[in-house]
Structures are given as C-alpha cells and as structure tokens.
Amino acid sequence: MNKSKQEKYDKAYLRMAKEWGKLSYCKRKQVGAIIVKDRMIISDGYNGTPTGFENYCEDEEGYTKWYVLHAEANAILKVASSTQSCQGATLYITLSPCRECSKLIHQSGIKRVVYQIAYKDDSGLNFLKRAGVELEFMPQIDD
C-alpha cells in the first residue's frame, strides 16, 4: 500500500479508536484501542474495570484503581479468547502504551503501533522500539 493511502487508513482507524475510547467510564482518561490485521478489525478495547466489577475507575480521592485494565490490554485479551491472532497486526491507540502494556504488545505479535498522544513516560515506546515494533506518532487525525 502506498504511503498516502496507508496514512489515510491509519487516520481512519485512529479516529475509530478515539470513538471507542468514549465508551470508557473512566473520568481521568478515556483511551481507545483497535487491532487491525490484513485490513480487518480483529479487536477493540477501552480502559475500564474487569468484567463483573462496578464501572467506576477512580476511587474516592480521584485516583485510578489498580485493577483498571488499559485499552490495549483489553483489546489483546479479547483476541486471546477468540480464534484470531495478533501476529503481524497493527495496534491503533489514542495514548501511547505504558511499560506494562508494551510487554503485552510485543509478546502478542503486534508489529506496528500507531498512536495519537504520547504518554508522559516513554519507557513503553522505548521498549517497543528496542523489540523491533514499528511506531507511528500521528497527532493530527481529523481531516
């Protein structure tokens, strides 16, 4: 696929991830993720509490509860419980991955990460770069 066509698809998938993030009940940050393989969406996710837990991500002081799952972790776990595989896929995410999620991304076989906003701690991105995952920072997604 040529570069301009790829960029067009990247922006569209990132816009979808942004919309998906709006489903999150988290007040501090709403993050969305889409996993695409062979130009097909194979999974999606947003940050939130595990299945069966109350839909409140923050405690009384406004801090995020330790058990809240990140958007990319939710998307990867959804693939794990399906017949699909992330091998060679692209992850589209509104916020760059933390260090914990970057390990999941690498281990799941995702080969490319396109993100809109850089997280304050870039150790996750540095790890992915070292692991050979292609990174694409795309702050402008609205045409």
Protein backbone atom coordinates (compact mmCIF):
# COMPACT_ATOMS: atom_id res chain seq x y z
CA MET A 1 0.00 0.00 0.00
CA ASN A 2 1.40 3.41 -0.87
CA LYS A 3 2.26 5.88 1.89
CA SER A 4 -0.62 8.32 1.37
CA LYS A 5 -3.19 5.53 1.26
CA GLN A 6 -1.68 3.95 4.40
CA GLU A 7 -1.83 7.31 6.17
CA LYS A 8 -5.49 7.67 5.20
CA TYR A 9 -6.28 4.25 6.72
CA ASP A 10 -4.15 5.00 9.81
CA LYS A 11 -6.08 8.21 10.48
CA ALA A 12 -9.44 6.47 9.99
CA TYR A 13 -8.56 3.64 12.39
CA LEU A 14 -7.23 6.13 14.96
CA ARG A 15 -10.48 8.10 14.74
CA MET A 16 -12.33 4.84 15.41
CA ALA A 17 -10.09 4.15 18.42
CA LYS A 18 -10.88 7.65 19.70
CA GLU A 19 -14.62 6.99 19.38
CA TRP A 20 -14.22 3.63 21.10
CA GLY A 21 -12.42 5.35 24.00
CA LYS A 22 -15.56 7.43 24.61
CA LEU A 23 -17.24 4.22 25.84
CA SER A 24 -14.92 4.17 28.86
CA TYR A 25 -16.37 5.04 32.26
CA CYS A 26 -13.01 6.41 33.40
CA LYS A 27 -13.12 10.10 34.26
CA ARG A 28 -9.38 10.91 34.25
CA LYS A 29 -8.55 9.48 30.83
CA GLN A 30 -10.60 7.77 28.15
CA VAL A 31 -8.39 5.59 25.96
CA GLY A 32 -9.47 3.52 22.97
CA ALA A 33 -7.67 0.79 21.01
CA ILE A 34 -8.34 -1.04 17.74
CA ILE A 35 -6.30 -4.02 16.47
CA VAL A 36 -6.20 -4.44 12.69
CA LYS A 37 -4.84 -7.39 10.75
CA ASP A 38 -4.98 -7.80 6.96
CA ARG A 39 -7.13 -4.62 6.80
CA MET A 40 -9.72 -6.19 9.12
CA ILE A 41 -10.54 -5.05 12.65
CA ILE A 42 -9.95 -8.13 14.80
CA SER A 43 -10.39 -6.49 18.20
CA ASP A 44 -11.17 -3.33 20.11
CA GLY A 45 -10.89 -2.15 23.67
CA TYR A 46 -11.09 0.78 26.03
CA ASN A 47 -9.79 1.35 29.53
CA GLY A 48 -12.04 0.17 32.33
CA THR A 49 -12.69 -2.24 35.15
CA PRO A 50 -12.70 -6.04 34.62
CA THR A 51 -15.93 -7.83 33.70
CA GLY A 52 -18.27 -8.11 36.65
CA PHE A 53 -16.82 -5.14 38.56
CA GLU A 54 -18.51 -1.78 39.11
CA ASN A 55 -17.95 0.72 36.30
CA TYR A 56 -16.02 3.22 38.42
CA CYS A 57 -12.35 3.55 37.51
CA GLU A 58 -11.40 6.06 40.20
CA ASP A 59 -11.52 5.80 43.98
CA GLU A 60 -12.95 8.45 46.36
CA GLU A 61 -9.75 10.54 46.07
CA GLY A 62 -9.92 10.51 42.27
CA TYR A 63 -7.03 8.06 41.77
CA THR A 64 -7.30 5.26 39.23
CA LYS A 65 -7.97 1.90 40.86
CA TRP A 66 -5.06 -0.54 40.49
CA TYR A 67 -7.16 -3.18 38.73
CA VAL A 68 -8.37 -0.96 35.87
CA LEU A 69 -7.35 -2.53 32.55
CA HIS A 70 -5.77 -0.39 29.86
CA ALA A 71 -7.40 -0.19 26.43
CA GLU A 72 -4.68 -2.15 24.61
CA ALA A 73 -4.67 -4.87 27.29
CA ASN A 74 -8.44 -5.24 26.90
CA ALA A 75 -8.11 -5.48 23.10
CA ILE A 76 -5.28 -8.05 23.31
CA LEU A 77 -7.15 -10.13 25.90
CA LYS A 78 -10.23 -10.13 23.66
CA VAL A 79 -8.12 -11.61 20.84
CA ALA A 80 -6.69 -14.20 23.25
CA SER A 81 -10.20 -15.50 23.94
CA SER A 82 -11.05 -15.73 20.23
CA THR A 83 -9.79 -17.76 17.28
CA GLN A 84 -7.80 -14.77 15.99
CA SER A 85 -4.10 -13.98 16.44
CA CYS A 86 -2.34 -10.62 16.79
CA GLN A 87 0.68 -11.94 14.86
CA GLY A 88 1.72 -9.21 12.40
CA ALA A 89 -1.18 -6.91 13.35
CA THR A 90 -1.27 -3.13 13.88
CA LEU A 91 -2.49 -1.58 17.12
CA TYR A 92 -4.18 1.81 16.86
CA ILE A 93 -4.34 3.56 20.22
CA THR A 94 -5.19 7.05 21.36
CA LEU A 95 -2.49 7.15 24.08
CA SER A 96 0.94 5.56 23.71
CA PRO A 97 1.37 2.37 25.76
CA CYS A 98 2.78 2.19 29.28
CA ARG A 99 5.69 -0.13 30.06
CA GLU A 100 3.43 -2.98 31.25
CA CYS A 101 1.23 -2.91 28.15
CA SER A 102 4.24 -2.64 25.85
CA LYS A 103 5.31 -6.12 27.04
CA LEU A 104 1.86 -7.49 26.14
CA ILE A 105 2.00 -5.80 22.73
CA HIS A 106 5.40 -7.32 21.92
CA GLN A 107 4.52 -10.80 23.22
CA SER A 108 1.20 -10.84 21.34
CA GLY A 109 2.99 -10.45 17.99
CA ILE A 110 1.78 -6.94 17.13
CA LYS A 111 4.32 -5.48 14.70
CA ARG A 112 3.15 -1.88 14.40
CA VAL A 113 1.70 0.68 16.83
CA VAL A 114 0.05 3.91 15.67
CA TYR A 115 -0.73 6.35 18.48
CA GLN A 116 -2.18 9.85 18.77
CA ILE A 117 -0.96 11.17 22.14
CA ALA A 118 2.41 10.46 23.76
CA TYR A 119 2.15 9.23 27.38
CA LYS A 120 4.38 11.16 29.82
CA ASP A 121 6.52 8.07 30.49
CA ASP A 122 8.09 6.95 27.20
CA SER A 123 9.70 3.74 28.54
CA GLY A 124 6.95 1.67 26.89
CA LEU A 125 7.72 3.21 23.49
CA ASN A 126 11.46 2.76 24.04
CA PHE A 127 10.91 -0.92 24.85
CA LEU A 128 8.79 -1.45 21.72
CA LYS A 129 11.39 0.28 19.56
CA ARG A 130 14.07 -2.00 21.01
CA ALA A 131 11.82 -5.02 20.34
CA GLY A 132 11.58 -4.04 16.66
CA VAL A 133 7.95 -2.88 16.71
CA GLU A 134 7.29 -0.10 14.20
CA LEU A 135 6.00 3.07 15.90
CA GLU A 136 4.00 5.80 14.21
CA PHE A 137 3.11 9.01 16.07
CA MET A 138 0.07 10.60 14.45
CA PRO A 139 -1.17 13.60 16.47
CA GLN A 140 -3.36 15.05 13.70
CA ILE A 141 -6.14 12.61 12.80
CA ASP A 142 -9.01 14.92 11.86
CA ASP A 143 -9.20 15.77 8.17
